[in-house]
Amino acid sequence: QLVESGGGLVQPGGSLRLSCASDGFQLGLFHIAWFRRAPRKERERVSCISSRISSTTWYADSVKGRFTISRDNAKNTAYLQMNSLKPEDTAVYYCNRVPPDRNAWGQGTQVTVSS
């Protein structure tokens, strides 16, 4: 299972760094993505990073230029650095493999952007 952490309450324009740790598989062997679910909205994929061979990254238009995905294979952890946060970034953030493993979903970490 995956364990997300690092969320919290932050003012608009602030930053947070989310972490995604795995105790079940080697993250570096898989494409990894960050997803989010805002209240009353469907889950959306916000960023992903390919397996350790190329580490190609992708970002949703809504976060491009503000979020950065990365991974540390030695720590078996993926990260999402979120800068210039906006109220519309408020959501529960999850990580998972791509395509998602339904048994790997964690509890997520709440990010709230509010003044």
C-alpha atoms as a PDB file:
ATOM      1  CA  GLN A   1       0.000   0.000   0.000  1.00  0.00           C
ATOM      2  CA  LEU A   2       1.004   3.585  -0.553  1.00  0.00           C
ATOM      3  CA  VAL A   3       1.184   6.192   2.193  1.00  0.00           C
ATOM      4  CA  GLU A   4       0.811   9.877   1.386  1.00  0.00           C
ATOM      5  CA  SER A   5       1.899  12.656   3.716  1.00  0.00           C
ATOM      6  CA  GLY A   6       2.827  16.314   3.770  1.00  0.00           C
ATOM      7  CA  GLY A   7      -0.547  17.945   3.323  1.00  0.00           C
ATOM      8  CA  GLY A   8      -1.887  20.772   5.419  1.00  0.00           C
ATOM      9  CA  LEU A   9      -3.415  24.225   5.486  1.00  0.00           C
ATOM     10  CA  VAL A  10      -1.573  26.866   3.504  1.00  0.00           C
ATOM     11  CA  GLN A  11      -2.356  30.374   2.330  1.00  0.00           C
ATOM     12  CA  PRO A  12      -2.718  31.163  -1.373  1.00  0.00           C
ATOM     13  CA  GLY A  13       0.709  31.505  -2.928  1.00  0.00           C
ATOM     14  CA  GLY A  14       2.244  29.130  -0.428  1.00  0.00           C
ATOM     15  CA  SER A  15       4.034  25.825  -0.935  1.00  0.00           C
ATOM     16  CA  LEU A  16       3.797  22.248   0.231  1.00  0.00           C
ATOM     17  CA  ARG A  17       5.784  19.112  -0.497  1.00  0.00           C
ATOM     18  CA  LEU A  18       3.858  15.866  -0.573  1.00  0.00           C
ATOM     19  CA  SER A  19       5.496  12.482  -0.110  1.00  0.00           C
ATOM     20  CA  CYS A  20       4.383   9.066  -1.317  1.00  0.00           C
ATOM     21  CA  ALA A  21       6.020   6.079   0.340  1.00  0.00           C
ATOM     22  CA  SER A  22       5.563   2.454  -0.657  1.00  0.00           C
ATOM     23  CA  ASP A  23       5.943  -0.553   1.580  1.00  0.00           C
ATOM     24  CA  GLY A  24       4.723  -3.042  -0.991  1.00  0.00           C
ATOM     25  CA  PHE A  25       6.637  -2.554  -4.214  1.00  0.00           C
ATOM     26  CA  GLN A  26       9.587  -0.759  -5.715  1.00  0.00           C
ATOM     27  CA  LEU A  27       8.287   2.580  -6.955  1.00  0.00           C
ATOM     28  CA  GLY A  28      11.166   2.931  -9.380  1.00  0.00           C
ATOM     29  CA  LEU A  29       9.910   0.020 -11.450  1.00  0.00           C
ATOM     30  CA  PHE A  30       6.605   1.697 -12.246  1.00  0.00           C
ATOM     31  CA  HIS A  31       5.142   4.863 -13.654  1.00  0.00           C
ATOM     32  CA  ILE A  32       3.847   6.816 -10.654  1.00  0.00           C
ATOM     33  CA  ALA A  33       1.156   9.477 -10.616  1.00  0.00           C
ATOM     34  CA  TRP A  34      -0.349  11.963  -8.208  1.00  0.00           C
ATOM     35  CA  PHE A  35      -4.108  12.304  -8.239  1.00  0.00           C
ATOM     36  CA  ARG A  36      -6.461  14.592  -6.388  1.00  0.00           C
ATOM     37  CA  ARG A  37     -10.126  14.638  -5.521  1.00  0.00           C
ATOM     38  CA  ALA A  38     -11.744  17.932  -4.677  1.00  0.00           C
ATOM     39  CA  PRO A  39     -15.129  18.151  -2.953  1.00  0.00           C
ATOM     40  CA  ARG A  40     -17.955  17.300  -5.339  1.00  0.00           C
ATOM     41  CA  LYS A  41     -15.539  16.589  -8.192  1.00  0.00           C
ATOM     42  CA  GLU A  42     -14.179  13.515  -9.877  1.00  0.00           C
ATOM     43  CA  ARG A  43     -10.684  12.299  -9.155  1.00  0.00           C
ATOM     44  CA  GLU A  44      -8.170  13.789 -11.573  1.00  0.00           C
ATOM     45  CA  ARG A  45      -4.581  12.994 -12.378  1.00  0.00           C
ATOM     46  CA  VAL A  46      -2.344  16.001 -11.830  1.00  0.00           C
ATOM     47  CA  SER A  47       1.122  14.660 -12.558  1.00  0.00           C
ATOM     48  CA  CYS A  48       3.041  11.517 -13.352  1.00  0.00           C
ATOM     49  CA  ILE A  49       6.596  10.332 -13.728  1.00  0.00           C
ATOM     50  CA  SER A  50       7.718   7.386 -15.773  1.00  0.00           C
ATOM     51  CA  SER A  51       9.710   4.463 -14.433  1.00  0.00           C
ATOM     52  CA  ARG A  52      13.311   5.067 -13.434  1.00  0.00           C
ATOM     53  CA  ILE A  53      14.672   4.313 -16.883  1.00  0.00           C
ATOM     54  CA  SER A  54      13.655   7.680 -18.342  1.00  0.00           C
ATOM     55  CA  SER A  55      11.803   9.592 -15.604  1.00  0.00           C
ATOM     56  CA  THR A  56       9.745  11.521 -18.120  1.00  0.00           C
ATOM     57  CA  THR A  57       7.211  13.790 -16.420  1.00  0.00           C
ATOM     58  CA  TRP A  58       3.714  14.990 -17.306  1.00  0.00           C
ATOM     59  CA  TYR A  59       1.531  17.668 -15.724  1.00  0.00           C
ATOM     60  CA  ALA A  60      -2.095  18.660 -16.026  1.00  0.00           C
ATOM     61  CA  ASP A  61      -2.512  22.116 -17.508  1.00  0.00           C
ATOM     62  CA  SER A  62      -3.977  23.331 -14.225  1.00  0.00           C
ATOM     63  CA  VAL A  63      -0.712  22.702 -12.347  1.00  0.00           C
ATOM     64  CA  LYS A  64       1.908  23.061 -15.058  1.00  0.00           C
ATOM     65  CA  GLY A  65       4.669  25.443 -14.019  1.00  0.00           C
ATOM     66  CA  ARG A  66       3.671  25.261 -10.350  1.00  0.00           C
ATOM     67  CA  PHE A  67       4.021  21.577  -9.396  1.00  0.00           C
ATOM     68  CA  THR A  68       7.074  19.356  -9.738  1.00  0.00           C
ATOM     69  CA  ILE A  69       7.021  15.582  -9.454  1.00  0.00           C
ATOM     70  CA  SER A  70      10.138  13.650  -8.515  1.00  0.00           C
ATOM     71  CA  ARG A  71      11.227  10.373  -7.009  1.00  0.00           C
ATOM     72  CA  ASP A  72      14.004   9.027  -4.816  1.00  0.00           C
ATOM     73  CA  ASN A  73      14.376   5.362  -5.666  1.00  0.00           C
ATOM     74  CA  ALA A  74      16.812   4.775  -2.802  1.00  0.00           C
ATOM     75  CA  LYS A  75      14.110   5.892  -0.362  1.00  0.00           C
ATOM     76  CA  ASN A  76      11.335   4.240  -2.380  1.00  0.00           C
ATOM     77  CA  THR A  77       9.457   7.536  -2.225  1.00  0.00           C
ATOM     78  CA  ALA A  78       7.887   9.896  -4.733  1.00  0.00           C
ATOM     79  CA  TYR A  79       7.276  13.589  -4.149  1.00  0.00           C
ATOM     80  CA  LEU A  80       5.088  16.390  -5.373  1.00  0.00           C
ATOM     81  CA  GLN A  81       6.443  19.887  -4.790  1.00  0.00           C
ATOM     82  CA  MET A  82       3.562  22.333  -5.008  1.00  0.00           C
ATOM     83  CA  ASN A  83       4.292  26.036  -5.319  1.00  0.00           C
ATOM     84  CA  SER A  84       2.079  29.070  -5.891  1.00  0.00           C
ATOM     85  CA  LEU A  85      -0.857  27.187  -4.477  1.00  0.00           C
ATOM     86  CA  LYS A  86      -4.364  28.362  -5.293  1.00  0.00           C
ATOM     87  CA  PRO A  87      -7.679  27.769  -3.514  1.00  0.00           C
ATOM     88  CA  GLU A  88      -8.719  25.515  -6.405  1.00  0.00           C
ATOM     89  CA  ASP A  89      -5.849  23.177  -5.504  1.00  0.00           C
ATOM     90  CA  THR A  90      -7.751  22.248  -2.341  1.00  0.00           C
ATOM     91  CA  ALA A  91      -8.307  18.488  -2.454  1.00  0.00           C
ATOM     92  CA  VAL A  92      -7.243  15.161  -1.040  1.00  0.00           C
ATOM     93  CA  TYR A  93      -4.092  14.084  -2.858  1.00  0.00           C
ATOM     94  CA  TYR A  94      -3.251  10.466  -3.600  1.00  0.00           C
ATOM     95  CA  CYS A  95      -0.454   8.655  -5.361  1.00  0.00           C
ATOM     96  CA  ASN A  96      -0.593   5.380  -7.241  1.00  0.00           C
ATOM     97  CA  ARG A  97       0.936   3.430 -10.042  1.00  0.00           C
ATOM     98  CA  VAL A  98      -0.041   4.048 -13.637  1.00  0.00           C
ATOM     99  CA  PRO A  99      -2.405   2.446 -14.420  1.00  0.00           C
ATOM    100  CA  PRO A 100      -3.713   2.611 -10.819  1.00  0.00           C
ATOM    101  CA  ASP A 101      -3.579  -0.480  -8.675  1.00  0.00           C
ATOM    102  CA  ARG A 102      -6.914  -0.563  -6.864  1.00  0.00           C
ATOM    103  CA  ASN A 103      -5.305  -2.345  -3.915  1.00  0.00           C
ATOM    104  CA  ALA A 104      -2.600   0.286  -3.539  1.00  0.00           C
ATOM    105  CA  TRP A 105      -4.723   3.359  -2.823  1.00  0.00           C
ATOM    106  CA  GLY A 106      -3.783   4.974   0.455  1.00  0.00           C
ATOM    107  CA  GLN A 107      -5.733   7.348   2.682  1.00  0.00           C
ATOM    108  CA  GLY A 108      -4.460  10.390   0.854  1.00  0.00           C
ATOM    109  CA  THR A 109      -3.314  13.659   2.348  1.00  0.00           C
ATOM    110  CA  GLN A 110      -5.544  16.726   2.645  1.00  0.00           C
ATOM    111  CA  VAL A 111      -4.341  19.963   1.086  1.00  0.00           C
ATOM    112  CA  THR A 112      -6.335  23.074   1.941  1.00  0.00           C
ATOM    113  CA  VAL A 113      -5.459  26.410   0.385  1.00  0.00           C
ATOM    114  CA  SER A 114      -7.246  29.224   2.138  1.00  0.00           C
ATOM    115  CA  SER A 115      -6.596  32.626   3.636  1.00  0.00           C
END
